[in-house]
């Protein structure tokens, strides 16, 4: 079971909330450490930390590629672009009005 779970990518359901991420990551990290250990000498804190960091990066990659992340980024991008354009309009309004630009289109 641990071999199947450790190599399996995170599902969208596992990244819906922080508690789900924690449960999914904890299981994968524990499985990976147990697979590495095999009853031999102790695993170092650094090795465990490296496994945790690796799993965290996998989680972040899944979150970044999720439809929800794309939608959230699109919303952020639209808001940011709109704010920047509003600043430019405010800055150059007088100049553009003198060149015939009106408030509302036809």
PDB file of N, CA and C in Angstrom:
ATOM      1  N   UNK A   1       0.810  -1.192   0.000  1.00  0.00           N
ATOM      2  CA  UNK A   1       0.000   0.000   0.000  1.00  0.00           C
ATOM      3  C   UNK A   1       0.861   1.266   0.000  1.00  0.00           C
ATOM      4  N   UNK A   2       1.943   1.282   0.749  1.00  0.00           N
ATOM      5  CA  UNK A   2       2.743   2.491   0.832  1.00  0.00           C
ATOM      6  C   UNK A   2       3.422   2.806  -0.491  1.00  0.00           C
ATOM      7  N   UNK A   3       3.828   1.788  -1.235  1.00  0.00           N
ATOM      8  CA  UNK A   3       4.461   2.043  -2.522  1.00  0.00           C
ATOM      9  C   UNK A   3       3.477   2.719  -3.471  1.00  0.00           C
ATOM     10  N   UNK A   4       2.247   2.243  -3.472  1.00  0.00           N
ATOM     11  CA  UNK A   4       1.227   2.824  -4.337  1.00  0.00           C
ATOM     12  C   UNK A   4       0.967   4.276  -3.930  1.00  0.00           C
ATOM     13  N   UNK A   5       0.858   4.528  -2.645  1.00  0.00           N
ATOM     14  CA  UNK A   5       0.511   5.848  -2.134  1.00  0.00           C
ATOM     15  C   UNK A   5       1.643   6.858  -2.315  1.00  0.00           C
ATOM     16  N   UNK A   6       2.882   6.452  -2.095  1.00  0.00           N
ATOM     17  CA  UNK A   6       3.990   7.398  -2.165  1.00  0.00           C
ATOM     18  C   UNK A   6       4.242   7.884  -3.579  1.00  0.00           C
ATOM     19  N   UNK A   7       4.012   7.038  -4.580  1.00  0.00           N
ATOM     20  CA  UNK A   7       4.245   7.456  -5.951  1.00  0.00           C
ATOM     21  C   UNK A   7       3.036   8.095  -6.600  1.00  0.00           C
ATOM     22  N   UNK A   8       1.910   8.069  -5.925  1.00  0.00           N
ATOM     23  CA  UNK A   8       0.660   8.575  -6.470  1.00  0.00           C
ATOM     24  C   UNK A   8       0.604  10.098  -6.354  1.00  0.00           C
ATOM     25  N   UNK A   9       0.220  10.781  -7.433  1.00  0.00           N
ATOM     26  CA  UNK A   9       0.093  12.242  -7.330  1.00  0.00           C
ATOM     27  C   UNK A   9      -1.071  12.639  -6.427  1.00  0.00           C
ATOM     28  N   UNK A  10      -1.008  13.838  -5.910  1.00  0.00           N
ATOM     29  CA  UNK A  10      -2.090  14.351  -5.066  1.00  0.00           C
ATOM     30  C   UNK A  10      -3.318  14.607  -5.934  1.00  0.00           C
ATOM     31  N   UNK A  11      -4.469  14.269  -5.405  1.00  0.00           N
ATOM     32  CA  UNK A  11      -5.718  14.512  -6.126  1.00  0.00           C
ATOM     33  C   UNK A  11      -6.249  15.894  -5.763  1.00  0.00           C
ATOM     34  N   UNK A  12      -7.167  16.384  -6.584  1.00  0.00           N
ATOM     35  CA  UNK A  12      -7.770  17.691  -6.312  1.00  0.00           C
ATOM     36  C   UNK A  12      -8.511  17.689  -4.976  1.00  0.00           C
ATOM     37  N   UNK A  13      -9.102  16.556  -4.608  1.00  0.00           N
ATOM     38  CA  UNK A  13      -9.822  16.473  -3.339  1.00  0.00           C
ATOM     39  C   UNK A  13      -8.875  16.615  -2.143  1.00  0.00           C
ATOM     40  N   UNK A  14      -7.629  16.186  -2.320  1.00  0.00           N
ATOM     41  CA  UNK A  14      -6.665  16.252  -1.217  1.00  0.00           C
ATOM     42  C   UNK A  14      -6.131  17.658  -0.983  1.00  0.00           C
ATOM     43  N   UNK A  15      -6.335  18.566  -1.936  1.00  0.00           N
ATOM     44  CA  UNK A  15      -5.779  19.916  -1.788  1.00  0.00           C
ATOM     45  C   UNK A  15      -6.859  20.976  -1.588  1.00  0.00           C
ATOM     46  N   UNK A  16      -8.062  20.550  -1.255  1.00  0.00           N
ATOM     47  CA  UNK A  16      -9.162  21.500  -1.077  1.00  0.00           C
ATOM     48  C   UNK A  16      -9.046  22.327   0.195  1.00  0.00           C
ATOM     49  N   UNK A  17      -8.360  21.802   1.196  1.00  0.00           N
ATOM     50  CA  UNK A  17      -8.232  22.534   2.456  1.00  0.00           C
ATOM     51  C   UNK A  17      -6.912  22.171   3.124  1.00  0.00           C
ATOM     52  N   UNK A  18      -6.508  23.005   4.065  1.00  0.00           N
ATOM     53  CA  UNK A  18      -5.243  22.762   4.757  1.00  0.00           C
ATOM     54  C   UNK A  18      -5.279  21.477   5.572  1.00  0.00           C
ATOM     55  N   UNK A  19      -6.422  21.152   6.169  1.00  0.00           N
ATOM     56  CA  UNK A  19      -6.466  19.917   6.950  1.00  0.00           C
ATOM     57  C   UNK A  19      -6.348  18.691   6.037  1.00  0.00           C
ATOM     58  N   UNK A  20      -6.940  18.755   4.849  1.00  0.00           N
ATOM     59  CA  UNK A  20      -6.793  17.639   3.903  1.00  0.00           C
ATOM     60  C   UNK A  20      -5.359  17.527   3.403  1.00  0.00           C
ATOM     61  N   UNK A  21      -4.739  18.671   3.135  1.00  0.00           N
ATOM     62  CA  UNK A  21      -3.338  18.662   2.706  1.00  0.00           C
ATOM     63  C   UNK A  21      -2.477  18.020   3.787  1.00  0.00           C
ATOM     64  N   UNK A  22      -2.704  18.419   5.028  1.00  0.00           N
ATOM     65  CA  UNK A  22      -1.902  17.886   6.138  1.00  0.00           C
ATOM     66  C   UNK A  22      -2.067  16.378   6.262  1.00  0.00           C
ATOM     67  N   UNK A  23      -3.317  15.893   6.183  1.00  0.00           N
ATOM     68  CA  UNK A  23      -3.543  14.450   6.275  1.00  0.00           C
ATOM     69  C   UNK A  23      -2.876  13.705   5.125  1.00  0.00           C
ATOM     70  N   UNK A  24      -3.049  14.202   3.908  1.00  0.00           N
ATOM     71  CA  UNK A  24      -2.475  13.530   2.742  1.00  0.00           C
ATOM     72  C   UNK A  24      -0.950  13.546   2.796  1.00  0.00           C
ATOM     73  N   UNK A  25      -0.394  14.693   3.140  1.00  0.00           N
ATOM     74  CA  UNK A  25       1.069  14.803   3.234  1.00  0.00           C
ATOM     75  C   UNK A  25       1.625  13.930   4.340  1.00  0.00           C
ATOM     76  N   UNK A  26       0.969  13.940   5.499  1.00  0.00           N
ATOM     77  CA  UNK A  26       1.450  13.139   6.635  1.00  0.00           C
ATOM     78  C   UNK A  26       1.519  11.662   6.251  1.00  0.00           C
ATOM     79  N   UNK A  27       0.496  11.186   5.600  1.00  0.00           N
ATOM     80  CA  UNK A  27       0.497   9.789   5.174  1.00  0.00           C
ATOM     81  C   UNK A  27       1.603   9.473   4.195  1.00  0.00           C
ATOM     82  N   UNK A  28       1.789  10.349   3.212  1.00  0.00           N
ATOM     83  CA  UNK A  28       2.836  10.104   2.209  1.00  0.00           C
ATOM     84  C   UNK A  28       4.232  10.202   2.811  1.00  0.00           C
ATOM     85  N   UNK A  29       4.437  11.208   3.661  1.00  0.00           N
ATOM     86  CA  UNK A  29       5.758  11.364   4.292  1.00  0.00           C
ATOM     87  C   UNK A  29       6.062  10.152   5.177  1.00  0.00           C
ATOM     88  N   UNK A  30       5.099   9.747   5.985  1.00  0.00           N
ATOM     89  CA  UNK A  30       5.288   8.581   6.852  1.00  0.00           C
ATOM     90  C   UNK A  30       5.609   7.335   6.036  1.00  0.00           C
ATOM     91  N   UNK A  31       4.862   7.122   4.961  1.00  0.00           N
ATOM     92  CA  UNK A  31       5.118   5.962   4.092  1.00  0.00           C
ATOM     93  C   UNK A  31       6.514   6.021   3.476  1.00  0.00           C
ATOM     94  N   UNK A  32       6.914   7.208   3.008  1.00  0.00           N
ATOM     95  CA  UNK A  32       8.238   7.334   2.396  1.00  0.00           C
ATOM     96  C   UNK A  32       9.356   7.090   3.407  1.00  0.00           C
ATOM     97  N   UNK A  33       9.187   7.614   4.622  1.00  0.00           N
ATOM     98  CA  UNK A  33      10.210   7.412   5.658  1.00  0.00           C
ATOM     99  C   UNK A  33      10.287   5.933   6.026  1.00  0.00           C
ATOM    100  N   UNK A  34       9.138   5.279   6.180  1.00  0.00           N
ATOM    101  CA  UNK A  34       9.136   3.844   6.494  1.00  0.00           C
ATOM    102  C   UNK A  34       9.765   3.030   5.369  1.00  0.00           C
ATOM    103  N   UNK A  35       9.474   3.383   4.112  1.00  0.00           N
ATOM    104  CA  UNK A  35      10.079   2.691   2.983  1.00  0.00           C
ATOM    105  C   UNK A  35      11.600   2.863   2.974  1.00  0.00           C
ATOM    106  N   UNK A  36      12.050   4.050   3.339  1.00  0.00           N
ATOM    107  CA  UNK A  36      13.484   4.340   3.380  1.00  0.00           C
ATOM    108  C   UNK A  36      14.163   3.610   4.535  1.00  0.00           C
ATOM    109  N   UNK A  37      13.476   3.500   5.644  1.00  0.00           N
ATOM    110  CA  UNK A  37      14.052   2.941   6.860  1.00  0.00           C
ATOM    111  C   UNK A  37      14.244   1.437   6.757  1.00  0.00           C
ATOM    112  N   UNK A  38      13.251   0.666   6.467  1.00  0.00           N
ATOM    113  CA  UNK A  38      13.315  -0.793   6.347  1.00  0.00           C
ATOM    114  C   UNK A  38      13.973  -1.466   7.548  1.00  0.00           C
ATOM    115  N   UNK A  39      13.798  -0.929   8.745  1.00  0.00           N
ATOM    116  CA  UNK A  39      14.325  -1.553   9.952  1.00  0.00           C
ATOM    117  C   UNK A  39      15.820  -1.408  10.129  1.00  0.00           C
ATOM    118  N   UNK A  40      16.445  -0.587   9.349  1.00  0.00           N
ATOM    119  CA  UNK A  40      17.893  -0.384   9.444  1.00  0.00           C
ATOM    120  C   UNK A  40      18.198   0.697  10.467  1.00  0.00           C
ATOM    121  N   UNK A  41      19.278   1.407  10.241  1.00  0.00           N
ATOM    122  CA  UNK A  41      19.672   2.452  11.174  1.00  0.00           C
ATOM    123  C   UNK A  41      18.672   3.612  11.153  1.00  0.00           C
ATOM    124  N   UNK A  42      18.691   4.424  12.177  1.00  0.00           N
ATOM    125  CA  UNK A  42      17.712   5.511  12.278  1.00  0.00           C
ATOM    126  C   UNK A  42      17.803   6.494  11.099  1.00  0.00           C
ATOM    127  N   UNK A  43      16.675   7.072  10.794  1.00  0.00           N
ATOM    128  CA  UNK A  43      16.605   8.088   9.757  1.00  0.00           C
ATOM    129  C   UNK A  43      16.908   9.439  10.419  1.00  0.00           C
ATOM    130  N   UNK A  44      17.736  10.236   9.764  1.00  0.00           N
ATOM    131  CA  UNK A  44      18.104  11.526  10.352  1.00  0.00           C
ATOM    132  C   UNK A  44      16.983  12.545  10.183  1.00  0.00           C
ATOM    133  N   UNK A  45      17.017  13.537  11.038  1.00  0.00           N
ATOM    134  CA  UNK A  45      16.032  14.624  10.959  1.00  0.00           C
ATOM    135  C   UNK A  45      16.155  15.343   9.628  1.00  0.00           C
ATOM    136  N   UNK A  46      17.369  15.437   9.117  1.00  0.00           N
ATOM    137  CA  UNK A  46      17.588  16.090   7.819  1.00  0.00           C
ATOM    138  C   UNK A  46      16.922  15.300   6.690  1.00  0.00           C
ATOM    139  N   UNK A  47      17.018  13.970   6.723  1.00  0.00           N
ATOM    140  CA  UNK A  47      16.369  13.137   5.708  1.00  0.00           C
ATOM    141  C   UNK A  47      14.850  13.311   5.761  1.00  0.00           C
ATOM    142  N   UNK A  48      14.309  13.315   6.962  1.00  0.00           N
ATOM    143  CA  UNK A  48      12.866  13.508   7.122  1.00  0.00           C
ATOM    144  C   UNK A  48      12.464  14.891   6.611  1.00  0.00           C
ATOM    145  N   UNK A  49      13.254  15.888   6.961  1.00  0.00           N
ATOM    146  CA  UNK A  49      12.983  17.247   6.510  1.00  0.00           C
ATOM    147  C   UNK A  49      13.018  17.341   4.985  1.00  0.00           C
ATOM    148  N   UNK A  50      13.950  16.653   4.356  1.00  0.00           N
ATOM    149  CA  UNK A  50      14.041  16.649   2.895  1.00  0.00           C
ATOM    150  C   UNK A  50      12.814  16.005   2.264  1.00  0.00           C
ATOM    151  N   UNK A  51      12.342  14.927   2.856  1.00  0.00           N
ATOM    152  CA  UNK A  51      11.147  14.254   2.351  1.00  0.00           C
ATOM    153  C   UNK A  51       9.933  15.176   2.498  1.00  0.00           C
ATOM    154  N   UNK A  52       9.821  15.840   3.642  1.00  0.00           N
ATOM    155  CA  UNK A  52       8.713  16.780   3.867  1.00  0.00           C
ATOM    156  C   UNK A  52       8.769  17.912   2.842  1.00  0.00           C
ATOM    157  N   UNK A  53       9.944  18.460   2.614  1.00  0.00           N
ATOM    158  CA  UNK A  53      10.096  19.545   1.628  1.00  0.00           C
ATOM    159  C   UNK A  53       9.714  19.082   0.232  1.00  0.00           C
ATOM    160  N   UNK A  54      10.114  17.874  -0.113  1.00  0.00           N
ATOM    161  CA  UNK A  54       9.785  17.313  -1.421  1.00  0.00           C
ATOM    162  C   UNK A  54       8.268  17.154  -1.578  1.00  0.00           C
ATOM    163  N   UNK A  55       7.623  16.624  -0.558  1.00  0.00           N
ATOM    164  CA  UNK A  55       6.174  16.454  -0.602  1.00  0.00           C
ATOM    165  C   UNK A  55       5.468  17.805  -0.643  1.00  0.00           C
ATOM    166  N   UNK A  56       5.977  18.781   0.103  1.00  0.00           N
ATOM    167  CA  UNK A  56       5.368  20.111   0.109  1.00  0.00           C
ATOM    168  C   UNK A  56       5.423  20.725  -1.296  1.00  0.00           C
ATOM    169  N   UNK A  57       6.547  20.543  -1.984  1.00  0.00           N
ATOM    170  CA  UNK A  57       6.683  21.056  -3.347  1.00  0.00           C
ATOM    171  C   UNK A  57       5.677  20.380  -4.277  1.00  0.00           C
ATOM    172  N   UNK A  58       5.463  19.083  -4.088  1.00  0.00           N
ATOM    173  CA  UNK A  58       4.472  18.370  -4.896  1.00  0.00           C
ATOM    174  C   UNK A  58       3.072  18.946  -4.664  1.00  0.00           C
ATOM    175  N   UNK A  59       2.750  19.215  -3.394  1.00  0.00           N
ATOM    176  CA  UNK A  59       1.448  19.803  -3.070  1.00  0.00           C
ATOM    177  C   UNK A  59       1.308  21.164  -3.743  1.00  0.00           C
ATOM    178  N   UNK A  60       2.324  21.994  -3.610  1.00  0.00           N
ATOM    179  CA  UNK A  60       2.267  23.322  -4.212  1.00  0.00           C
ATOM    180  C   UNK A  60       2.097  23.250  -5.728  1.00  0.00           C
ATOM    181  N   UNK A  61       2.779  22.314  -6.365  1.00  0.00           N
ATOM    182  CA  UNK A  61       2.657  22.152  -7.814  1.00  0.00           C
ATOM    183  C   UNK A  61       1.232  21.788  -8.215  1.00  0.00           C
ATOM    184  N   UNK A  62       0.616  20.888  -7.440  1.00  0.00           N
ATOM    185  CA  UNK A  62      -0.767  20.507  -7.732  1.00  0.00           C
ATOM    186  C   UNK A  62      -1.703  21.697  -7.514  1.00  0.00           C
ATOM    187  N   UNK A  63      -1.503  22.425  -6.423  1.00  0.00           N
ATOM    188  CA  UNK A  63      -2.345  23.585  -6.152  1.00  0.00           C
ATOM    189  C   UNK A  63      -2.203  24.618  -7.274  1.00  0.00           C
ATOM    190  N   UNK A  64      -0.972  24.878  -7.683  1.00  0.00           N
ATOM    191  CA  UNK A  64      -0.737  25.868  -8.736  1.00  0.00           C
ATOM    192  C   UNK A  64      -1.345  25.470 -10.073  1.00  0.00           C
ATOM    193  N   UNK A  65      -1.450  24.179 -10.332  1.00  0.00           N
ATOM    194  CA  UNK A  65      -2.001  23.728 -11.608  1.00  0.00           C
ATOM    195  C   UNK A  65      -3.492  23.431 -11.533  1.00  0.00           C
ATOM    196  N   UNK A  66      -4.112  23.690 -10.397  1.00  0.00           N
ATOM    197  CA  UNK A  66      -5.534  23.389 -10.230  1.00  0.00           C
ATOM    198  C   UNK A  66      -6.405  24.434 -10.919  1.00  0.00           C
ATOM    199  N   UNK A  67      -7.605  24.043 -11.335  1.00  0.00           N
ATOM    200  CA  UNK A  67      -8.541  25.011 -11.923  1.00  0.00           C
ATOM    201  C   UNK A  67      -8.873  26.162 -10.965  1.00  0.00           C
ATOM    202  N   UNK A  68      -8.985  25.872  -9.692  1.00  0.00           N
ATOM    203  CA  UNK A  68      -9.281  26.916  -8.712  1.00  0.00           C
ATOM    204  C   UNK A  68      -8.161  27.950  -8.662  1.00  0.00           C
ATOM    205  N   UNK A  69      -6.918  27.490  -8.740  1.00  0.00           N
ATOM    206  CA  UNK A  69      -5.784  28.418  -8.717  1.00  0.00           C
ATOM    207  C   UNK A  69      -5.777  29.280  -9.980  1.00  0.00           C
ATOM    208  N   UNK A  70      -6.064  28.665 -11.116  1.00  0.00           N
ATOM    209  CA  UNK A  70      -6.123  29.438 -12.363  1.00  0.00           C
ATOM    210  C   UNK A  70      -7.223  30.490 -12.289  1.00  0.00           C
ATOM    211  N   UNK A  71      -8.380  30.117 -11.761  1.00  0.00           N
ATOM    212  CA  UNK A  71      -9.486  31.068 -11.641  1.00  0.00           C
ATOM    213  C   UNK A  71      -9.135  32.202 -10.675  1.00  0.00           C
ATOM    214  N   UNK A  72      -8.522  31.866  -9.553  1.00  0.00           N
ATOM    215  CA  UNK A  72      -8.125  32.886  -8.574  1.00  0.00           C
ATOM    216  C   UNK A  72      -7.071  33.818  -9.164  1.00  0.00           C
ATOM    217  N   UNK A  73      -6.123  33.254  -9.906  1.00  0.00           N
ATOM    218  CA  UNK A  73      -5.086  34.089 -10.523  1.00  0.00           C
ATOM    219  C   UNK A  73      -5.700  34.996 -11.577  1.00  0.00           C
ATOM    220  N   UNK A  74      -6.640  34.471 -12.362  1.00  0.00           N
ATOM    221  CA  UNK A  74      -7.309  35.267 -13.391  1.00  0.00           C
ATOM    222  C   UNK A  74      -8.032  36.448 -12.751  1.00  0.00           C
ATOM    223  N   UNK A  75      -8.725  36.194 -11.651  1.00  0.00           N
ATOM    224  CA  UNK A  75      -9.448  37.253 -10.941  1.00  0.00           C
ATOM    225  C   UNK A  75      -8.458  38.306 -10.425  1.00  0.00           C
ATOM    226  N   UNK A  76      -7.353  37.857  -9.823  1.00  0.00           N
ATOM    227  CA  UNK A  76      -6.317  38.770  -9.335  1.00  0.00           C
ATOM    228  C   UNK A  76      -5.748  39.587 -10.495  1.00  0.00           C
ATOM    229  N   UNK A  77      -5.457  38.912 -11.606  1.00  0.00           N
ATOM    230  CA  UNK A  77      -4.864  39.570 -12.758  1.00  0.00           C
ATOM    231  C   UNK A  77      -5.810  40.622 -13.339  1.00  0.00           C
ATOM    232  N   UNK A  78      -7.087  40.288 -13.474  1.00  0.00           N
ATOM    233  CA  UNK A  78      -8.064  41.246 -13.988  1.00  0.00           C
ATOM    234  C   UNK A  78      -8.150  42.477 -13.095  1.00  0.00           C
ATOM    235  N   UNK A  79      -8.168  42.261 -11.786  1.00  0.00           N
ATOM    236  CA  UNK A  79      -8.246  43.378 -10.839  1.00  0.00           C
ATOM    237  C   UNK A  79      -6.980  44.241 -10.934  1.00  0.00           C
ATOM    238  N   UNK A  80      -5.821  43.614 -10.995  1.00  0.00           N
ATOM    239  CA  UNK A  80      -4.553  44.342 -11.051  1.00  0.00           C
ATOM    240  C   UNK A  80      -4.432  45.142 -12.341  1.00  0.00           C
ATOM    241  N   UNK A  81      -4.786  44.526 -13.463  1.00  0.00           N
ATOM    242  CA  UNK A  81      -4.729  45.217 -14.753  1.00  0.00           C
ATOM    243  C   UNK A  81      -5.686  46.404 -14.753  1.00  0.00           C
ATOM    244  N   UNK A  82      -6.906  46.200 -14.257  1.00  0.00           N
ATOM    245  CA  UNK A  82      -7.895  47.266 -14.210  1.00  0.00           C
ATOM    246  C   UNK A  82      -7.391  48.445 -13.371  1.00  0.00           C
ATOM    247  N   UNK A  83      -6.781  48.140 -12.229  1.00  0.00           N
ATOM    248  CA  UNK A  83      -6.253  49.201 -11.363  1.00  0.00           C
ATOM    249  C   UNK A  83      -5.146  49.984 -12.071  1.00  0.00           C
ATOM    250  N   UNK A  84      -4.270  49.291 -12.766  1.00  0.00           N
ATOM    251  CA  UNK A  84      -3.180  49.960 -13.483  1.00  0.00           C
ATOM    252  C   UNK A  84      -3.715  50.845 -14.612  1.00  0.00           C
ATOM    253  N   UNK A  85      -4.697  50.344 -15.348  1.00  0.00           N
ATOM    254  CA  UNK A  85      -5.292  51.134 -16.425  1.00  0.00           C
ATOM    255  C   UNK A  85      -6.004  52.354 -15.856  1.00  0.00           C
ATOM    256  N   UNK A  86      -6.723  52.188 -14.745  1.00  0.00           N
ATOM    257  CA  UNK A  86      -7.388  53.328 -14.094  1.00  0.00           C
ATOM    258  C   UNK A  86      -6.380  54.400 -13.705  1.00  0.00           C
ATOM    259  N   UNK A  87      -5.225  54.010 -13.193  1.00  0.00           N
ATOM    260  CA  UNK A  87      -4.180  54.973 -12.824  1.00  0.00           C
ATOM    261  C   UNK A  87      -3.687  55.733 -14.043  1.00  0.00           C
ATOM    262  N   UNK A  88      -3.493  55.020 -15.160  1.00  0.00           N
ATOM    263  CA  UNK A  88      -3.035  55.673 -16.385  1.00  0.00           C
ATOM    264  C   UNK A  88      -4.084  56.648 -16.917  1.00  0.00           C
ATOM    265  N   UNK A  89      -5.355  56.231 -16.879  1.00  0.00           N
ATOM    266  CA  UNK A  89      -6.436  57.113 -17.336  1.00  0.00           C
ATOM    267  C   UNK A  89      -6.479  58.368 -16.477  1.00  0.00           C
ATOM    268  N   UNK A  90      -6.393  58.192 -15.168  1.00  0.00           N
ATOM    269  CA  UNK A  90      -6.431  59.337 -14.255  1.00  0.00           C
ATOM    270  C   UNK A  90      -5.260  60.276 -14.523  1.00  0.00           C
ATOM    271  N   UNK A  91      -4.085  59.685 -14.730  1.00  0.00           N
ATOM    272  CA  UNK A  91      -2.878  60.495 -14.958  1.00  0.00           C
ATOM    273  C   UNK A  91      -2.964  61.295 -16.260  1.00  0.00           C
ATOM    274  N   UNK A  92      -3.470  60.675 -17.316  1.00  0.00           N
ATOM    275  CA  UNK A  92      -3.434  61.303 -18.645  1.00  0.00           C
ATOM    276  C   UNK A  92      -4.808  61.736 -19.153  1.00  0.00           C
ATOM    277  N   UNK A  93      -5.792  61.809 -18.262  1.00  0.00           N
ATOM    278  CA  UNK A  93      -7.167  62.145 -18.658  1.00  0.00           C
ATOM    279  C   UNK A  93      -7.223  63.468 -19.424  1.00  0.00           C
ATOM    280  N   UNK A  94      -6.658  64.503 -18.882  1.00  0.00           N
ATOM    281  CA  UNK A  94      -6.723  65.830 -19.514  1.00  0.00           C
ATOM    282  C   UNK A  94      -6.138  65.821 -20.919  1.00  0.00           C
ATOM    283  N   UNK A  95      -5.004  65.218 -21.047  1.00  0.00           N
ATOM    284  CA  UNK A  95      -4.349  65.161 -22.364  1.00  0.00           C
ATOM    285  C   UNK A  95      -5.220  64.404 -23.371  1.00  0.00           C
ATOM    286  N   UNK A  96      -5.772  63.261 -22.952  1.00  0.00           N
ATOM    287  CA  UNK A  96      -6.592  62.460 -23.860  1.00  0.00           C
ATOM    288  C   UNK A  96      -7.911  63.156 -24.191  1.00  0.00           C
ATOM    289  N   UNK A  97      -8.517  63.857 -23.205  1.00  0.00           N
ATOM    290  CA  UNK A  97      -9.750  64.603 -23.479  1.00  0.00           C
ATOM    291  C   UNK A  97      -9.495  65.707 -24.503  1.00  0.00           C
ATOM    292  N   UNK A  98      -8.335  66.360 -24.414  1.00  0.00           N
ATOM    293  CA  UNK A  98      -8.014  67.421 -25.383  1.00  0.00           C
ATOM    294  C   UNK A  98      -7.810  66.863 -26.792  1.00  0.00           C
ATOM    295  N   UNK A  99      -7.596  65.550 -26.864  1.00  0.00           N
ATOM    296  CA  UNK A  99      -7.431  64.901 -28.165  1.00  0.00           C
ATOM    297  C   UNK A  99      -8.716  64.234 -28.640  1.00  0.00           C
ATOM    298  N   UNK A 100      -9.813  64.488 -27.925  1.00  0.00           N
ATOM    299  CA  UNK A 100     -11.109  64.010 -28.386  1.00  0.00           C
ATOM    300  C   UNK A 100     -11.653  62.771 -27.708  1.00  0.00           C
ATOM    301  N   UNK A 101     -10.975  62.224 -26.713  1.00  0.00           N
ATOM    302  CA  UNK A 101     -11.496  61.046 -26.008  1.00  0.00           C
ATOM    303  C   UNK A 101     -12.598  61.503 -25.071  1.00  0.00           C
ATOM    304  N   UNK A 102     -13.744  60.793 -25.113  1.00  0.00           N
ATOM    305  CA  UNK A 102     -14.883  61.137 -24.274  1.00  0.00           C
ATOM    306  C   UNK A 102     -15.048  60.095 -23.159  1.00  0.00           C
ATOM    307  N   UNK A 103     -15.894  60.424 -22.175  1.00  0.00           N
ATOM    308  CA  UNK A 103     -16.095  59.553 -21.010  1.00  0.00           C
ATOM    309  C   UNK A 103     -16.701  58.219 -21.388  1.00  0.00           C
ATOM    310  N   UNK A 104     -17.830  58.252 -22.108  1.00  0.00           N
ATOM    311  CA  UNK A 104     -18.543  57.013 -22.475  1.00  0.00           C
ATOM    312  C   UNK A 104     -18.510  56.839 -23.990  1.00  0.00           C
ATOM    313  N   UNK A 105     -18.409  55.569 -24.380  1.00  0.00           N
ATOM    314  CA  UNK A 105     -18.469  55.273 -25.809  1.00  0.00           C
ATOM    315  C   UNK A 105     -19.879  55.331 -26.333  1.00  0.00           C
ATOM    316  N   UNK A 106     -20.005  55.337 -27.637  1.00  0.00           N
ATOM    317  CA  UNK A 106     -21.332  55.407 -28.272  1.00  0.00           C
ATOM    318  C   UNK A 106     -22.095  54.158 -28.138  1.00  0.00           C
TER     319      UNK A 106
END
